[in-house]
């Protein structure tokens, strides 16, 4: 059961949110009247809060200053901002939380809508994961053994053609089937993998396992595949040869693989990243700039990298139908991708309204919970089977026929 802290100076707001959380089955709830009170409870050390709800306008210490203190303390739980301020203020606080590498679930306007709250808490969590799994202490040796034993497995999220709904490819995402803790999502071990130098080893293993799975899934359809590369892997000069060797052993053409890199990953070591990405293109692989718009990278430098695909970050896609700022950034990103001759992919498509925007803006392909969350190989095979009869229908009809119940 997650330990929750509600930080708000208004007693009625605290009571209302607490009641909503209890209705959702969460009963370990503490309260704080402002940021200073919350910090005192955090520093007492007798409770490890898995989730903090924080208001912004509070006496003694407001929510913005409290976010800074959470960042300085490297708070590892989840954070959700609630406030009655306008959208731009909320967006600024959300950006601040991300700059401090906090695990932000999102921002909710007051009064809190229970359905929106439930959706926001559930959205970042893949199927089968706990809502707020307490942060367990996992060491690098345990992760290394997990990789060697095949506990870190590929999950698959489909990418579909927006114009006709045809399944184009799968994005490979890592999940850890931990023998004691159950299914762990990437937030719980990817950072450890990068810090301990295990990320490249893990990526190679995932690529090999996913390639074998793709061969088995080809009984249904001929699918392409995309794989994420971390900034640490982009510094490994042996990476290209290893990936090509794995593809050759599994019989997978490199032309069917797209490697995804983030703006920040490219900028961490531009020379090494440029060498590795260019060599991957020479081998026939595609290159996608992932989470586009979040890294503040030099557009001039990005323009010199041989990208084939632009993936618009889900932060600009989610709620774009109702958020004028997100809509403008979404449309501008699509237009930029088209001008550069890139395939444009929208991530995080979670509603019919967002799907409709993808069609209106001319997005090439989409992925997100509306289509399917990331799932294991067996579940993905079942999902593909459910798509078999939808090939000749419109994209909207296809989605609701193909999405498993």
Protein backbone atom coordinates (compact mmCIF):
# COMPACT_ATOMS: atom_id res chain seq x y z
CA UNK A 1 0.00 0.00 0.00
CA UNK A 2 1.57 3.34 -1.02
CA UNK A 3 2.33 5.99 1.63
CA UNK A 4 0.82 9.33 0.54
CA UNK A 5 1.36 12.93 1.69
CA UNK A 6 -1.22 15.64 0.90
CA UNK A 7 0.25 19.16 1.16
CA UNK A 8 -2.33 21.98 1.15
CA UNK A 9 -3.04 24.92 3.45
CA UNK A 10 -6.81 24.66 2.92
CA UNK A 11 -8.38 22.10 5.26
CA UNK A 12 -11.38 21.56 2.97
CA UNK A 13 -9.11 20.79 0.00
CA UNK A 14 -7.08 18.32 2.07
CA UNK A 15 -10.21 16.59 3.33
CA UNK A 16 -11.74 16.36 -0.15
CA UNK A 17 -8.58 14.91 -1.74
CA UNK A 18 -8.11 12.49 1.15
CA UNK A 19 -11.69 11.27 0.72
CA UNK A 20 -11.15 10.75 -3.02
CA UNK A 21 -7.95 8.78 -2.39
CA UNK A 22 -9.64 6.59 0.22
CA UNK A 23 -12.40 5.79 -2.26
CA UNK A 24 -9.63 4.61 -4.61
CA UNK A 25 -8.40 2.20 -1.93
CA UNK A 26 -5.46 4.27 -0.66
CA UNK A 27 -5.57 4.53 3.11
CA UNK A 28 -2.03 5.41 4.26
CA UNK A 29 -2.45 9.18 3.95
CA UNK A 30 -0.68 11.93 5.91
CA UNK A 31 -1.36 15.67 5.70
CA UNK A 32 0.79 18.82 5.78
CA UNK A 33 -0.44 22.42 5.98
CA UNK A 34 2.34 23.87 3.81
CA UNK A 35 5.75 23.10 2.30
CA UNK A 36 7.64 23.62 5.55
CA UNK A 37 5.39 21.21 7.42
CA UNK A 38 5.85 18.69 4.59
CA UNK A 39 9.65 19.00 4.70
CA UNK A 40 9.65 18.41 8.45
CA UNK A 41 7.70 15.19 7.91
CA UNK A 42 10.03 14.10 5.10
CA UNK A 43 13.16 14.83 7.12
CA UNK A 44 11.84 13.01 10.19
CA UNK A 45 12.65 9.81 8.31
CA UNK A 46 9.97 7.67 9.93
CA UNK A 47 7.94 7.38 6.70
CA UNK A 48 8.98 7.06 3.07
CA UNK A 49 6.30 8.79 1.02
CA UNK A 50 5.66 7.11 -2.34
CA UNK A 51 3.39 9.90 -3.63
CA UNK A 52 3.07 13.60 -2.73
CA UNK A 53 0.16 15.85 -3.70
CA UNK A 54 1.25 19.48 -3.50
CA UNK A 55 -0.67 22.77 -3.70
CA UNK A 56 1.18 25.89 -4.90
CA UNK A 57 -0.09 28.94 -3.01
CA UNK A 58 0.68 28.26 0.66
CA UNK A 59 2.04 30.31 3.62
CA UNK A 60 5.57 29.98 5.04
CA UNK A 61 6.76 27.80 2.10
CA UNK A 62 4.86 27.70 -1.18
CA UNK A 63 4.71 24.75 -3.54
CA UNK A 64 7.32 26.12 -5.95
CA UNK A 65 9.96 26.38 -3.21
CA UNK A 66 8.90 22.96 -1.92
CA UNK A 67 9.52 21.46 -5.39
CA UNK A 68 13.07 22.86 -5.25
CA UNK A 69 13.66 21.24 -1.84
CA UNK A 70 12.36 17.92 -3.17
CA UNK A 71 14.82 18.17 -6.05
CA UNK A 72 17.73 18.99 -3.73
CA UNK A 73 16.81 15.96 -1.61
CA UNK A 74 16.61 13.77 -4.76
CA UNK A 75 13.09 12.69 -3.76
CA UNK A 76 12.42 9.29 -5.40
CA UNK A 77 8.66 9.04 -5.01
CA UNK A 78 6.02 10.49 -7.30
CA UNK A 79 4.75 14.05 -7.31
CA UNK A 80 1.39 15.47 -8.42
CA UNK A 81 0.75 19.23 -8.42
CA UNK A 82 -2.76 20.56 -7.65
CA UNK A 83 -3.59 24.26 -7.91
CA UNK A 84 -6.17 26.82 -8.94
CA UNK A 85 -3.66 28.93 -10.88
CA UNK A 86 -3.82 29.36 -14.65
CA UNK A 87 -2.44 26.85 -17.12
CA UNK A 88 0.86 28.62 -17.83
CA UNK A 89 1.78 28.77 -14.14
CA UNK A 90 1.05 25.06 -13.79
CA UNK A 91 3.11 24.30 -16.90
CA UNK A 92 6.05 26.30 -15.49
CA UNK A 93 5.97 24.40 -12.20
CA UNK A 94 5.78 21.12 -14.12
CA UNK A 95 8.90 22.15 -16.09
CA UNK A 96 10.68 23.01 -12.83
CA UNK A 97 9.87 19.58 -11.40
CA UNK A 98 11.27 17.89 -14.50
CA UNK A 99 14.45 20.01 -14.32
CA UNK A 100 15.00 18.61 -10.84
CA UNK A 101 14.45 15.08 -12.26
CA UNK A 102 11.39 14.54 -10.07
CA UNK A 103 8.93 11.80 -11.02
CA UNK A 104 6.03 14.06 -11.93
CA UNK A 105 2.67 12.35 -12.55
CA UNK A 106 1.22 15.64 -13.77
CA UNK A 107 -0.66 18.80 -12.74
CA UNK A 108 -4.35 18.99 -11.88
CA UNK A 109 -6.47 22.14 -11.60
CA UNK A 110 -8.62 22.63 -8.50
CA UNK A 111 -11.13 21.38 -7.60
CA UNK A 112 -9.68 17.94 -8.30
CA UNK A 113 -11.80 15.80 -10.56
CA UNK A 114 -11.69 12.16 -9.33
CA UNK A 115 -11.79 10.71 -12.86
CA UNK A 116 -8.96 12.98 -14.04
CA UNK A 117 -6.97 12.07 -10.94
CA UNK A 118 -7.38 8.35 -11.55
CA UNK A 119 -6.42 8.72 -15.22
CA UNK A 120 -3.35 10.79 -14.35
CA UNK A 121 -2.13 8.29 -11.76
CA UNK A 122 -2.72 5.38 -14.12
CA UNK A 123 -1.41 6.91 -17.36
CA UNK A 124 2.37 6.59 -16.76
CA UNK A 125 2.03 3.04 -15.44
CA UNK A 126 2.18 0.15 -17.89
CA UNK A 127 -0.30 -2.71 -17.67
CA UNK A 128 0.47 -5.04 -14.76
CA UNK A 129 2.58 -2.60 -12.74
CA UNK A 130 1.64 -1.42 -9.27
CA UNK A 131 0.13 2.05 -9.02
CA UNK A 132 2.76 3.39 -6.65
CA UNK A 133 5.27 0.66 -5.96
CA UNK A 134 7.50 1.75 -3.07
CA UNK A 135 11.05 2.57 -4.09
CA UNK A 136 13.00 -0.54 -3.17
CA UNK A 137 16.76 -0.61 -2.82
CA UNK A 138 18.08 -2.47 -5.87
CA UNK A 139 21.82 -2.70 -6.39
CA UNK A 140 23.81 -3.01 -9.59
CA UNK A 141 24.87 -6.61 -8.93
CA UNK A 142 21.23 -7.63 -8.59
CA UNK A 143 20.47 -5.90 -11.90
CA UNK A 144 23.44 -7.55 -13.61
CA UNK A 145 22.25 -10.97 -12.49
CA UNK A 146 18.73 -10.10 -13.62
CA UNK A 147 19.99 -9.25 -17.10
CA UNK A 148 22.07 -12.44 -17.27
CA UNK A 149 19.12 -14.58 -16.16
CA UNK A 150 16.81 -13.03 -18.73
CA UNK A 151 14.58 -11.31 -16.16
CA UNK A 152 14.77 -7.99 -18.05
CA UNK A 153 12.42 -8.67 -20.94
CA UNK A 154 11.08 -6.78 -23.96
CA UNK A 155 7.57 -5.37 -23.88
CA UNK A 156 6.01 -4.21 -27.13
CA UNK A 157 3.95 -1.13 -27.95
CA UNK A 158 2.50 -1.01 -31.47
CA UNK A 159 2.84 1.90 -33.86
CA UNK A 160 0.06 2.27 -36.41
CA UNK A 161 -0.45 4.15 -39.66
CA UNK A 162 -2.74 7.08 -38.90
CA UNK A 163 -4.25 7.12 -42.40
CA UNK A 164 -5.39 3.49 -42.51
CA UNK A 165 -4.74 1.96 -39.08
CA UNK A 166 -2.33 -0.68 -40.35
CA UNK A 167 0.16 -1.96 -37.77
CA UNK A 168 3.59 -0.75 -38.86
CA UNK A 169 6.05 -1.58 -36.11
CA UNK A 170 6.64 -2.09 -32.41
CA UNK A 171 8.65 -0.07 -29.95
CA UNK A 172 10.68 -2.31 -27.65
CA UNK A 173 10.52 -1.26 -23.99
CA UNK A 174 12.32 -2.82 -21.04
CA UNK A 175 10.52 -4.38 -18.08
CA UNK A 176 12.11 -6.32 -15.24
CA UNK A 177 10.35 -9.46 -14.02
CA UNK A 178 11.92 -9.23 -10.58
CA UNK A 179 11.61 -12.49 -8.62
CA UNK A 180 10.67 -10.69 -5.37
CA UNK A 181 9.24 -7.32 -6.43
CA UNK A 182 7.22 -8.43 -9.45
CA UNK A 183 7.00 -6.39 -12.65
CA UNK A 184 9.18 -3.26 -12.51
CA UNK A 185 8.89 -0.36 -14.94
CA UNK A 186 11.83 1.56 -16.42
CA UNK A 187 11.72 4.35 -13.83
CA UNK A 188 12.73 1.79 -11.24
CA UNK A 189 15.91 0.47 -12.86
CA UNK A 190 16.99 2.31 -16.05
CA UNK A 191 18.82 5.04 -14.14
CA UNK A 192 20.66 2.36 -12.15
CA UNK A 193 21.58 0.60 -15.39
CA UNK A 194 23.06 3.82 -16.77
CA UNK A 195 24.94 4.73 -13.60
CA UNK A 196 26.40 1.24 -13.22
CA UNK A 197 27.44 0.89 -16.87
CA UNK A 198 24.98 -1.94 -17.51
CA UNK A 199 22.72 -0.09 -19.93
CA UNK A 200 24.50 -1.17 -23.13
CA UNK A 201 24.63 -4.81 -22.04
CA UNK A 202 20.93 -4.63 -21.26
CA UNK A 203 20.14 -2.97 -24.61
CA UNK A 204 21.99 -5.68 -26.55
CA UNK A 205 20.14 -8.41 -24.67
CA UNK A 206 16.78 -6.72 -25.27
CA UNK A 207 17.59 -6.27 -28.95
CA UNK A 208 18.45 -9.95 -29.32
CA UNK A 209 15.36 -11.14 -27.42
CA UNK A 210 13.07 -8.74 -29.28
CA UNK A 211 14.52 -9.82 -32.64
CA UNK A 212 13.74 -13.45 -31.86
CA UNK A 213 10.23 -12.46 -30.77
CA UNK A 214 9.74 -10.50 -33.98
CA UNK A 215 10.56 -13.62 -35.99
CA UNK A 216 7.87 -15.49 -34.09
CA UNK A 217 5.39 -12.62 -34.48
CA UNK A 218 5.99 -12.51 -38.24
CA UNK A 219 3.59 -15.42 -38.44
CA UNK A 220 1.00 -12.65 -38.07
CA UNK A 221 2.50 -9.66 -39.88
CA UNK A 222 5.80 -8.32 -41.16
CA UNK A 223 6.65 -5.75 -38.50
CA UNK A 224 9.47 -3.28 -38.11
CA UNK A 225 10.99 -2.53 -34.71
CA UNK A 226 12.33 0.48 -32.82
CA UNK A 227 14.82 0.31 -29.94
CA UNK A 228 15.97 3.07 -27.59
CA UNK A 229 19.65 3.91 -27.20
CA UNK A 230 20.83 5.73 -24.07
CA UNK A 231 23.43 8.48 -23.99
CA UNK A 232 25.83 6.00 -22.37
CA UNK A 233 25.46 3.57 -25.27
CA UNK A 234 26.14 6.37 -27.76
CA UNK A 235 29.67 6.58 -26.32
CA UNK A 236 30.43 2.88 -26.95
CA UNK A 237 32.43 2.52 -30.17
CA UNK A 238 31.76 -1.24 -30.30
CA UNK A 239 27.98 -0.79 -30.26
CA UNK A 240 27.38 -0.78 -34.02
CA UNK A 241 29.28 -4.01 -34.66
CA UNK A 242 27.44 -5.72 -31.78
CA UNK A 243 24.00 -4.68 -33.03
CA UNK A 244 24.77 -5.71 -36.60
CA UNK A 245 26.05 -9.09 -35.38
CA UNK A 246 22.87 -9.69 -33.33
CA UNK A 247 20.67 -8.77 -36.30
CA UNK A 248 22.64 -11.13 -38.58
CA UNK A 249 22.36 -14.02 -36.10
CA UNK A 250 18.58 -13.60 -35.82
CA UNK A 251 18.04 -12.99 -39.53
CA UNK A 252 16.65 -9.49 -39.00
CA UNK A 253 17.39 -6.95 -41.74
CA UNK A 254 18.82 -3.74 -40.29
CA UNK A 255 16.48 -1.83 -42.60
CA UNK A 256 13.61 -2.99 -40.38
CA UNK A 257 15.12 -1.43 -37.25
CA UNK A 258 14.90 2.18 -36.09
CA UNK A 259 17.10 3.30 -33.22
CA UNK A 260 15.65 6.05 -31.05
CA UNK A 261 17.79 8.68 -29.33
CA UNK A 262 16.79 11.71 -27.29
CA UNK A 263 17.99 15.26 -27.86
CA UNK A 264 19.82 15.21 -24.52
CA UNK A 265 21.46 11.91 -25.42
CA UNK A 266 22.80 13.37 -28.66
CA UNK A 267 24.12 16.49 -26.97
CA UNK A 268 25.91 14.65 -24.13
CA UNK A 269 28.80 13.66 -26.42
CA UNK A 270 28.02 14.98 -29.92
CA UNK A 271 31.09 13.57 -31.67
CA UNK A 272 30.61 9.99 -30.46
CA UNK A 273 26.85 10.14 -30.99
CA UNK A 274 27.26 11.44 -34.53
CA UNK A 275 29.76 8.70 -35.40
CA UNK A 276 27.59 5.86 -34.06
CA UNK A 277 24.34 7.15 -35.55
CA UNK A 278 25.89 7.74 -38.96
CA UNK A 279 27.37 4.24 -38.95
CA UNK A 280 23.96 2.78 -38.04
CA UNK A 281 22.46 4.62 -41.02
CA UNK A 282 25.20 3.18 -43.25
CA UNK A 283 24.11 -0.28 -42.09
CA UNK A 284 20.57 0.50 -43.26
CA UNK A 285 18.92 1.26 -39.90
CA UNK A 286 16.59 4.20 -39.35
CA UNK A 287 17.17 6.90 -36.73
CA UNK A 288 14.46 8.60 -34.70
CA UNK A 289 14.82 11.68 -32.55
CA UNK A 290 12.74 10.70 -29.52
CA UNK A 291 10.82 12.98 -27.12
CA UNK A 292 11.20 15.84 -29.58
CA UNK A 293 10.90 19.28 -28.02
CA UNK A 294 12.06 18.38 -24.51
CA UNK A 295 15.85 18.64 -24.81
CA UNK A 296 16.50 22.23 -25.91
CA UNK A 297 19.18 21.00 -28.28
CA UNK A 298 20.75 23.12 -31.02
CA UNK A 299 18.54 22.87 -34.11
CA UNK A 300 21.59 23.46 -36.28
CA UNK A 301 23.37 20.46 -34.79
CA UNK A 302 20.30 18.26 -34.94
CA UNK A 303 19.86 19.16 -38.61
CA UNK A 304 23.29 17.65 -39.34
CA UNK A 305 22.33 14.20 -37.98
CA UNK A 306 20.83 11.76 -40.52
CA UNK A 307 17.48 11.27 -38.77
CA UNK A 308 14.69 9.50 -40.62
CA UNK A 309 11.94 9.94 -38.04
CA UNK A 310 10.72 12.55 -35.56
CA UNK A 311 8.79 11.36 -32.50
CA UNK A 312 6.76 14.09 -30.83
CA UNK A 313 6.92 13.83 -27.05
CA UNK A 314 3.70 12.69 -25.40
CA UNK A 315 3.77 15.80 -23.18
CA UNK A 316 2.76 17.85 -26.22
CA UNK A 317 0.26 15.27 -27.53
CA UNK A 318 -1.67 14.60 -24.32
CA UNK A 319 -4.56 17.05 -23.99
CA UNK A 320 -3.51 18.87 -27.18
CA UNK A 321 -7.17 18.95 -28.21
CA UNK A 322 -8.03 21.09 -25.17
CA UNK A 323 -4.73 22.88 -24.50
CA UNK A 324 -3.93 25.67 -26.96
CA UNK A 325 -0.21 25.72 -26.12
CA UNK A 326 0.20 21.96 -26.57
CA UNK A 327 -1.82 22.06 -29.78
CA UNK A 328 0.44 24.78 -31.24
CA UNK A 329 3.63 22.93 -30.32
CA UNK A 330 2.19 19.66 -31.64
CA UNK A 331 1.25 21.22 -34.99
CA UNK A 332 4.55 23.11 -35.27
CA UNK A 333 6.52 19.92 -34.65
CA UNK A 334 4.55 18.03 -37.29
CA UNK A 335 5.12 20.79 -39.85
CA UNK A 336 8.85 20.90 -39.04
CA UNK A 337 9.13 17.15 -39.49
CA UNK A 338 7.36 17.31 -42.83
CA UNK A 339 9.63 20.11 -44.06
CA UNK A 340 12.66 18.04 -43.12
CA UNK A 341 11.27 15.03 -44.97
CA UNK A 342 10.96 12.92 -41.81
CA UNK A 343 8.36 10.38 -40.80
CA UNK A 344 6.41 12.02 -37.96
CA UNK A 345 5.21 9.85 -35.07
CA UNK A 346 2.99 11.00 -32.19
CA UNK A 347 3.60 9.35 -28.82
CA UNK A 348 1.12 9.04 -25.96
CA UNK A 349 -2.11 9.14 -28.00
CA UNK A 350 -4.67 8.37 -25.31
CA UNK A 351 -8.01 9.72 -26.54
CA UNK A 352 -10.21 9.92 -29.62
CA UNK A 353 -9.65 13.69 -29.67
CA UNK A 354 -5.87 13.24 -29.83
CA UNK A 355 -6.23 10.61 -32.56
CA UNK A 356 -8.41 13.05 -34.53
CA UNK A 357 -5.69 15.71 -34.23
CA UNK A 358 -3.13 13.24 -35.57
CA UNK A 359 -5.28 12.76 -38.66
CA UNK A 360 -5.97 16.50 -39.01
CA UNK A 361 -2.27 17.43 -38.75
CA UNK A 362 -1.10 14.70 -41.11
CA UNK A 363 0.88 12.65 -38.58
CA UNK A 364 2.40 9.56 -40.20
CA UNK A 365 2.02 7.13 -37.32
CA UNK A 366 0.85 7.03 -33.71
CA UNK A 367 1.29 5.00 -30.56
CA UNK A 368 -0.27 5.23 -27.14
CA UNK A 369 -2.73 3.73 -24.69
CA UNK A 370 -5.69 4.31 -27.03
CA UNK A 371 -4.14 1.74 -29.36
CA UNK A 372 -2.36 -0.47 -26.82
CA UNK A 373 -0.16 -0.04 -23.74
CA UNK A 374 3.22 -1.82 -23.74
CA UNK A 375 2.58 -5.56 -23.28
CA UNK A 376 4.58 -8.77 -23.18
CA UNK A 377 5.09 -10.98 -26.25
CA UNK A 378 2.16 -13.32 -25.56
CA UNK A 379 -0.27 -10.45 -25.01
CA UNK A 380 1.02 -8.66 -28.08
CA UNK A 381 0.50 -11.78 -30.19
CA UNK A 382 -3.12 -11.89 -28.99
CA UNK A 383 -3.51 -8.20 -29.78
CA UNK A 384 -2.17 -8.76 -33.30
CA UNK A 385 -4.59 -11.64 -33.79
CA UNK A 386 -7.45 -9.30 -32.88
CA UNK A 387 -6.26 -6.91 -35.61
CA UNK A 388 -6.34 -9.53 -38.36
CA UNK A 389 -9.78 -8.61 -39.62
CA UNK A 390 -9.44 -4.84 -39.45
CA UNK A 391 -7.23 -4.10 -42.44
CA UNK A 392 -9.82 -2.64 -44.78
CA UNK A 393 -11.57 -0.30 -42.40
CA UNK A 394 -11.07 3.30 -41.40
CA UNK A 395 -8.46 4.15 -38.79
CA UNK A 396 -11.07 5.14 -36.21
CA UNK A 397 -13.02 1.91 -36.66
CA UNK A 398 -9.82 -0.07 -36.69
CA UNK A 399 -8.64 1.24 -33.34
CA UNK A 400 -11.71 0.17 -31.46
CA UNK A 401 -11.84 -3.19 -33.20
CA UNK A 402 -8.15 -3.86 -32.69
CA UNK A 403 -7.75 -2.67 -29.12
CA UNK A 404 -8.13 -5.69 -26.79
CA UNK A 405 -10.69 -5.53 -24.02
